[in-house]
Amino acid sequence: MNKVILKGRLTKDVTTSFGSGENQTLLARWVLAVEDRGWKIDEGKYHTDFIPCFAVGKTAEIAQANLCKGKEILLYGKMQSGSYEKEGTRIYTLQMMVEEIEFCGKKSDTPMNDSFMNIPDIPDEELPFK
């Protein structure tokens, strides 16, 4: 069984594109910062995992219309693995295919600017996945 539930905050705004082929299905991508593995690391800080997520179709439309950097959400979906070749090295990937989005917190918790959360802007080339 492949069922995943994650709760966290978006590290950046959602990016969207349209798939190829006849249907031109909307594809939305974002990275979710998931804190607290249950133990603390250096200086008493909790570890944060950065999970790449994507949604297609109606779920992608909901993400595009409602998600922004810092927004806290609960996601339901499946994990998908993959791999690609880069400069002769096999790179393995893991990402969440989101099937359902649940909004957390108060409506007023939606960030108005980057100072809402101390989520670092991480350049895509520094993320451990593509």
N, C-alpha and C. Protein backbone atom coordinates (compact mmCIF):
# COMPACT_ATOMS: atom_id res chain seq x y z
N MET A 1 0.85 -1.17 0.00
CA MET A 1 0.00 0.00 0.00
C MET A 1 0.89 1.24 0.00
N ASN A 2 0.58 2.19 -0.84
CA ASN A 2 1.37 3.42 -0.96
C ASN A 2 0.44 4.59 -0.61
N LYS A 3 0.41 4.97 0.65
CA LYS A 3 -0.45 6.06 1.13
C LYS A 3 0.39 6.95 2.03
N VAL A 4 0.41 8.27 1.74
CA VAL A 4 1.23 9.19 2.49
C VAL A 4 0.39 10.37 2.95
N ILE A 5 0.63 10.81 4.19
CA ILE A 5 0.00 12.02 4.73
C ILE A 5 1.13 12.89 5.26
N LEU A 6 1.21 14.13 4.77
CA LEU A 6 2.25 15.07 5.21
C LEU A 6 1.61 16.38 5.62
N LYS A 7 2.18 17.01 6.65
CA LYS A 7 1.75 18.33 7.07
C LYS A 7 2.98 19.22 7.11
N GLY A 8 2.87 20.39 6.50
CA GLY A 8 4.00 21.29 6.48
C GLY A 8 3.64 22.62 5.85
N ARG A 9 4.67 23.37 5.46
CA ARG A 9 4.49 24.69 4.86
C ARG A 9 5.25 24.75 3.54
N LEU A 10 4.69 25.49 2.59
CA LEU A 10 5.33 25.65 1.29
C LEU A 10 6.57 26.52 1.42
N THR A 11 7.65 26.12 0.73
CA THR A 11 8.89 26.89 0.77
C THR A 11 8.90 27.99 -0.28
N LYS A 12 8.09 27.85 -1.31
CA LYS A 12 7.98 28.84 -2.41
C LYS A 12 6.56 28.78 -2.93
N ASP A 13 6.21 29.74 -3.76
CA ASP A 13 4.91 29.70 -4.43
C ASP A 13 4.86 28.51 -5.39
N VAL A 14 3.66 28.07 -5.68
CA VAL A 14 3.43 26.96 -6.60
C VAL A 14 3.81 27.37 -8.02
N THR A 15 4.45 26.47 -8.75
CA THR A 15 4.71 26.70 -10.17
C THR A 15 3.82 25.76 -10.97
N THR A 16 3.35 26.24 -12.11
CA THR A 16 2.45 25.42 -12.93
C THR A 16 2.93 25.36 -14.37
N SER A 17 2.50 24.31 -15.04
CA SER A 17 2.76 24.14 -16.46
C SER A 17 1.67 23.21 -17.01
N PHE A 18 1.61 23.11 -18.32
CA PHE A 18 0.64 22.21 -18.94
C PHE A 18 1.38 21.03 -19.52
N GLY A 19 0.79 19.84 -19.33
CA GLY A 19 1.39 18.63 -19.85
C GLY A 19 1.32 18.58 -21.36
N SER A 20 2.09 17.70 -21.95
CA SER A 20 2.07 17.55 -23.40
C SER A 20 0.96 16.59 -23.80
N GLY A 21 0.66 16.54 -25.07
CA GLY A 21 -0.38 15.66 -25.56
C GLY A 21 -1.68 16.39 -25.79
N GLU A 22 -2.72 15.64 -26.07
CA GLU A 22 -4.02 16.21 -26.40
C GLU A 22 -4.68 16.94 -25.24
N ASN A 23 -4.61 16.39 -24.06
CA ASN A 23 -5.38 16.92 -22.93
C ASN A 23 -4.83 18.21 -22.35
N GLN A 24 -3.55 18.46 -22.48
CA GLN A 24 -2.94 19.67 -21.91
C GLN A 24 -3.32 19.83 -20.43
N THR A 25 -3.16 18.79 -19.63
CA THR A 25 -3.52 18.78 -18.22
C THR A 25 -2.60 19.70 -17.43
N LEU A 26 -3.19 20.47 -16.50
CA LEU A 26 -2.41 21.36 -15.65
C LEU A 26 -1.59 20.55 -14.66
N LEU A 27 -0.33 20.93 -14.50
CA LEU A 27 0.59 20.30 -13.55
C LEU A 27 1.08 21.37 -12.60
N ALA A 28 0.94 21.15 -11.30
CA ALA A 28 1.41 22.09 -10.28
C ALA A 28 2.52 21.42 -9.48
N ARG A 29 3.56 22.19 -9.16
CA ARG A 29 4.70 21.68 -8.37
C ARG A 29 5.02 22.65 -7.25
N TRP A 30 5.44 22.09 -6.11
CA TRP A 30 5.90 22.89 -4.99
C TRP A 30 6.73 22.01 -4.08
N VAL A 31 7.40 22.64 -3.11
CA VAL A 31 8.19 21.91 -2.12
C VAL A 31 7.57 22.18 -0.75
N LEU A 32 7.36 21.12 0.01
CA LEU A 32 6.77 21.20 1.34
C LEU A 32 7.87 21.02 2.40
N ALA A 33 7.97 21.97 3.32
CA ALA A 33 8.91 21.85 4.45
C ALA A 33 8.16 21.14 5.57
N VAL A 34 8.65 19.96 5.94
CA VAL A 34 8.02 19.14 6.98
C VAL A 34 8.99 19.07 8.15
N GLU A 35 8.59 19.64 9.29
CA GLU A 35 9.46 19.70 10.46
C GLU A 35 9.20 18.54 11.41
N ASP A 36 10.17 18.36 12.32
CA ASP A 36 10.03 17.50 13.48
C ASP A 36 9.92 16.02 13.16
N ARG A 37 11.05 15.39 13.18
CA ARG A 37 11.08 13.93 13.08
C ARG A 37 10.91 13.30 14.46
N GLY A 38 10.69 14.14 15.46
CA GLY A 38 10.52 13.62 16.81
C GLY A 38 11.78 13.72 17.65
N TRP A 39 12.86 14.21 17.08
CA TRP A 39 14.10 14.39 17.84
C TRP A 39 14.79 15.65 17.36
N LYS A 40 15.55 16.22 18.25
CA LYS A 40 16.24 17.48 17.94
C LYS A 40 17.68 17.21 17.53
N ILE A 41 18.18 18.11 16.68
CA ILE A 41 19.58 18.03 16.27
C ILE A 41 20.30 19.26 16.79
N ASP A 42 21.35 19.64 16.17
CA ASP A 42 22.20 20.76 16.59
C ASP A 42 21.43 21.90 17.25
N GLU A 43 21.92 22.32 18.39
CA GLU A 43 21.41 23.47 19.12
C GLU A 43 19.92 23.38 19.43
N GLY A 44 19.40 22.16 19.59
CA GLY A 44 18.01 21.98 19.97
C GLY A 44 17.00 22.25 18.88
N LYS A 45 17.45 22.37 17.64
CA LYS A 45 16.54 22.62 16.53
C LYS A 45 16.03 21.30 15.96
N TYR A 46 14.78 21.33 15.51
CA TYR A 46 14.23 20.14 14.87
C TYR A 46 14.71 20.06 13.43
N HIS A 47 14.81 18.86 12.93
CA HIS A 47 15.22 18.62 11.55
C HIS A 47 14.04 18.90 10.63
N THR A 48 14.29 19.48 9.48
CA THR A 48 13.26 19.75 8.49
C THR A 48 13.57 18.96 7.23
N ASP A 49 12.56 18.26 6.71
CA ASP A 49 12.68 17.58 5.43
C ASP A 49 11.99 18.45 4.38
N PHE A 50 12.56 18.50 3.18
CA PHE A 50 11.98 19.25 2.08
C PHE A 50 11.49 18.25 1.05
N ILE A 51 10.18 18.12 0.92
CA ILE A 51 9.57 17.10 0.09
C ILE A 51 9.00 17.72 -1.19
N PRO A 52 9.50 17.31 -2.35
CA PRO A 52 8.92 17.81 -3.60
C PRO A 52 7.53 17.19 -3.80
N CYS A 53 6.58 18.02 -4.22
CA CYS A 53 5.20 17.57 -4.40
C CYS A 53 4.70 18.02 -5.76
N PHE A 54 3.76 17.26 -6.32
CA PHE A 54 3.10 17.68 -7.55
C PHE A 54 1.66 17.21 -7.55
N ALA A 55 0.84 17.91 -8.31
CA ALA A 55 -0.56 17.56 -8.46
C ALA A 55 -0.94 17.80 -9.91
N VAL A 56 -1.94 17.08 -10.39
CA VAL A 56 -2.42 17.25 -11.75
C VAL A 56 -3.93 17.50 -11.76
N GLY A 57 -4.40 18.07 -12.85
CA GLY A 57 -5.84 18.26 -13.04
C GLY A 57 -6.48 19.19 -12.03
N LYS A 58 -7.61 18.77 -11.48
CA LYS A 58 -8.39 19.60 -10.55
C LYS A 58 -7.59 19.92 -9.28
N THR A 59 -6.83 18.96 -8.78
CA THR A 59 -6.02 19.21 -7.58
C THR A 59 -4.96 20.27 -7.87
N ALA A 60 -4.40 20.25 -9.08
CA ALA A 60 -3.42 21.28 -9.48
C ALA A 60 -4.08 22.65 -9.56
N GLU A 61 -5.31 22.71 -10.03
CA GLU A 61 -6.04 23.97 -10.09
C GLU A 61 -6.28 24.54 -8.69
N ILE A 62 -6.63 23.67 -7.75
CA ILE A 62 -6.83 24.10 -6.36
C ILE A 62 -5.52 24.62 -5.78
N ALA A 63 -4.43 23.92 -6.03
CA ALA A 63 -3.12 24.34 -5.54
C ALA A 63 -2.74 25.69 -6.13
N GLN A 64 -2.92 25.86 -7.43
CA GLN A 64 -2.56 27.10 -8.10
C GLN A 64 -3.34 28.28 -7.53
N ALA A 65 -4.61 28.08 -7.24
CA ALA A 65 -5.49 29.16 -6.79
C ALA A 65 -5.33 29.50 -5.32
N ASN A 66 -4.86 28.55 -4.50
CA ASN A 66 -4.92 28.74 -3.05
C ASN A 66 -3.61 28.64 -2.29
N LEU A 67 -2.56 28.14 -2.90
CA LEU A 67 -1.31 27.91 -2.15
C LEU A 67 -0.28 28.98 -2.47
N CYS A 68 0.46 29.38 -1.44
CA CYS A 68 1.55 30.34 -1.59
C CYS A 68 2.61 30.04 -0.54
N LYS A 69 3.76 30.64 -0.69
CA LYS A 69 4.86 30.43 0.24
C LYS A 69 4.41 30.67 1.67
N GLY A 70 4.75 29.72 2.56
CA GLY A 70 4.43 29.85 3.97
C GLY A 70 3.10 29.24 4.38
N LYS A 71 2.23 28.92 3.41
CA LYS A 71 0.91 28.39 3.71
C LYS A 71 1.06 27.00 4.32
N GLU A 72 0.37 26.77 5.45
CA GLU A 72 0.38 25.46 6.10
C GLU A 72 -0.72 24.59 5.52
N ILE A 73 -0.35 23.37 5.10
CA ILE A 73 -1.31 22.46 4.49
C ILE A 73 -1.08 21.02 4.95
N LEU A 74 -2.11 20.23 4.77
CA LEU A 74 -2.06 18.79 5.02
C LEU A 74 -2.31 18.13 3.68
N LEU A 75 -1.43 17.22 3.28
CA LEU A 75 -1.52 16.58 1.98
C LEU A 75 -1.74 15.09 2.12
N TYR A 76 -2.55 14.55 1.23
CA TYR A 76 -2.78 13.11 1.13
C TYR A 76 -2.38 12.69 -0.28
N GLY A 77 -1.67 11.59 -0.38
CA GLY A 77 -1.27 11.14 -1.70
C GLY A 77 -0.39 9.91 -1.67
N LYS A 78 0.47 9.79 -2.67
CA LYS A 78 1.35 8.64 -2.84
C LYS A 78 2.77 9.12 -3.11
N MET A 79 3.74 8.34 -2.74
CA MET A 79 5.13 8.64 -3.06
C MET A 79 5.48 7.96 -4.38
N GLN A 80 6.24 8.67 -5.20
CA GLN A 80 6.70 8.12 -6.48
C GLN A 80 8.20 8.26 -6.56
N SER A 81 8.85 7.19 -6.97
CA SER A 81 10.30 7.24 -7.14
C SER A 81 10.61 7.28 -8.63
N GLY A 82 11.78 7.75 -8.93
CA GLY A 82 12.23 7.80 -10.31
C GLY A 82 13.73 7.97 -10.35
N SER A 83 14.26 8.08 -11.54
CA SER A 83 15.69 8.31 -11.68
C SER A 83 15.98 8.92 -13.04
N TYR A 84 17.13 9.56 -13.13
CA TYR A 84 17.60 10.11 -14.40
C TYR A 84 19.11 10.12 -14.37
N GLU A 85 19.69 10.29 -15.53
CA GLU A 85 21.15 10.29 -15.67
C GLU A 85 21.64 11.73 -15.78
N LYS A 86 22.65 12.10 -15.01
CA LYS A 86 23.23 13.42 -15.09
C LYS A 86 24.75 13.27 -15.06
N GLU A 87 25.39 13.69 -16.13
CA GLU A 87 26.84 13.63 -16.25
C GLU A 87 27.39 12.25 -15.91
N GLY A 88 26.71 11.22 -16.42
CA GLY A 88 27.16 9.85 -16.22
C GLY A 88 26.81 9.24 -14.87
N THR A 89 26.10 9.97 -14.03
CA THR A 89 25.73 9.47 -12.71
C THR A 89 24.22 9.30 -12.63
N ARG A 90 23.76 8.19 -12.10
CA ARG A 90 22.33 7.92 -11.93
C ARG A 90 21.86 8.68 -10.69
N ILE A 91 20.87 9.55 -10.85
CA ILE A 91 20.27 10.32 -9.76
C ILE A 91 18.90 9.74 -9.46
N TYR A 92 18.65 9.41 -8.20
CA TYR A 92 17.36 8.85 -7.80
C TYR A 92 16.51 9.95 -7.15
N THR A 93 15.23 9.94 -7.45
CA THR A 93 14.32 10.96 -6.95
C THR A 93 13.15 10.32 -6.19
N LEU A 94 12.55 11.12 -5.33
CA LEU A 94 11.36 10.70 -4.60
C LEU A 94 10.48 11.94 -4.45
N GLN A 95 9.23 11.85 -4.84
CA GLN A 95 8.33 12.99 -4.75
C GLN A 95 6.93 12.49 -4.39
N MET A 96 6.11 13.40 -3.89
CA MET A 96 4.75 13.05 -3.51
C MET A 96 3.78 13.46 -4.60
N MET A 97 2.96 12.52 -5.04
CA MET A 97 1.87 12.82 -5.95
C MET A 97 0.65 13.14 -5.08
N VAL A 98 0.24 14.39 -5.05
CA VAL A 98 -0.82 14.86 -4.16
C VAL A 98 -2.19 14.55 -4.77
N GLU A 99 -3.02 13.90 -3.97
CA GLU A 99 -4.38 13.58 -4.41
C GLU A 99 -5.42 14.46 -3.73
N GLU A 100 -5.07 14.97 -2.53
CA GLU A 100 -6.03 15.79 -1.78
C GLU A 100 -5.27 16.80 -0.93
N ILE A 101 -5.80 18.02 -0.85
CA ILE A 101 -5.19 19.10 -0.06
C ILE A 101 -6.18 19.55 0.99
N GLU A 102 -5.71 19.65 2.23
CA GLU A 102 -6.53 20.18 3.31
C GLU A 102 -5.81 21.40 3.88
N PHE A 103 -6.53 22.49 4.05
CA PHE A 103 -5.93 23.73 4.53
C PHE A 103 -5.93 23.74 6.05
N CYS A 104 -4.84 24.21 6.64
CA CYS A 104 -4.67 24.25 8.09
C CYS A 104 -4.62 25.70 8.56
N GLY A 105 -4.79 25.87 9.86
CA GLY A 105 -4.68 27.20 10.44
C GLY A 105 -5.87 28.07 10.10
N LYS A 106 -5.81 29.30 10.55
CA LYS A 106 -6.86 30.27 10.29
C LYS A 106 -6.66 30.89 8.92
N LYS A 107 -7.74 31.39 8.36
CA LYS A 107 -7.64 32.07 7.07
C LYS A 107 -6.67 33.24 7.15
N SER A 108 -6.63 33.89 8.30
CA SER A 108 -5.73 35.04 8.48
C SER A 108 -4.26 34.62 8.57
N ASP A 109 -3.98 33.32 8.67
CA ASP A 109 -2.60 32.84 8.74
C ASP A 109 -1.91 32.85 7.38
N THR A 110 -2.64 33.16 6.31
CA THR A 110 -2.02 33.21 5.00
C THR A 110 -0.99 34.33 4.99
N PRO A 111 0.25 34.03 4.64
CA PRO A 111 1.29 35.05 4.67
C PRO A 111 1.06 36.15 3.65
N MET A 112 1.37 37.35 4.04
CA MET A 112 1.27 38.48 3.13
C MET A 112 2.64 38.85 2.56
N ASN A 113 3.70 38.38 3.23
CA ASN A 113 5.04 38.67 2.73
C ASN A 113 6.01 37.61 3.25
N ASP A 114 7.24 37.68 2.82
CA ASP A 114 8.23 36.67 3.18
C ASP A 114 8.58 36.66 4.66
N SER A 115 8.25 37.72 5.40
CA SER A 115 8.62 37.75 6.82
C SER A 115 7.69 36.90 7.67
N PHE A 116 6.63 36.35 7.06
CA PHE A 116 5.68 35.52 7.81
C PHE A 116 6.38 34.32 8.43
N MET A 117 7.24 33.68 7.67
CA MET A 117 7.95 32.50 8.15
C MET A 117 9.42 32.63 7.81
N ASN A 118 10.21 31.97 8.57
CA ASN A 118 11.64 31.97 8.30
C ASN A 118 12.01 30.77 7.44
N ILE A 119 11.35 30.64 6.30
CA ILE A 119 11.64 29.56 5.37
C ILE A 119 12.66 30.09 4.38
N PRO A 120 13.81 29.45 4.29
CA PRO A 120 14.84 29.97 3.40
C PRO A 120 14.48 29.75 1.94
N ASP A 121 14.87 30.69 1.09
CA ASP A 121 14.76 30.49 -0.36
C ASP A 121 15.93 29.61 -0.75
N ILE A 122 15.61 28.42 -1.22
CA ILE A 122 16.64 27.47 -1.61
C ILE A 122 16.65 27.38 -3.12
N PRO A 123 17.79 27.70 -3.75
CA PRO A 123 17.86 27.59 -5.21
C PRO A 123 17.61 26.14 -5.62
N ASP A 124 16.91 25.95 -6.73
CA ASP A 124 16.55 24.60 -7.18
C ASP A 124 17.77 23.70 -7.33
N GLU A 125 18.89 24.26 -7.75
CA GLU A 125 20.07 23.42 -7.94
C GLU A 125 20.65 22.90 -6.64
N GLU A 126 20.28 23.47 -5.50
CA GLU A 126 20.76 23.01 -4.21
C GLU A 126 19.84 21.99 -3.55
N LEU A 127 18.64 21.78 -4.10
CA LEU A 127 17.72 20.80 -3.54
C LEU A 127 18.22 19.41 -3.87
N PRO A 128 17.95 18.44 -3.00
CA PRO A 128 18.47 17.09 -3.22
C PRO A 128 17.64 16.30 -4.22
N PHE A 129 16.90 16.96 -5.08
CA PHE A 129 16.05 16.31 -6.07
C PHE A 129 15.82 17.28 -7.20
N LYS A 130 15.28 16.83 -8.27
CA LYS A 130 14.96 17.70 -9.42
C LYS A 130 13.51 17.55 -9.77
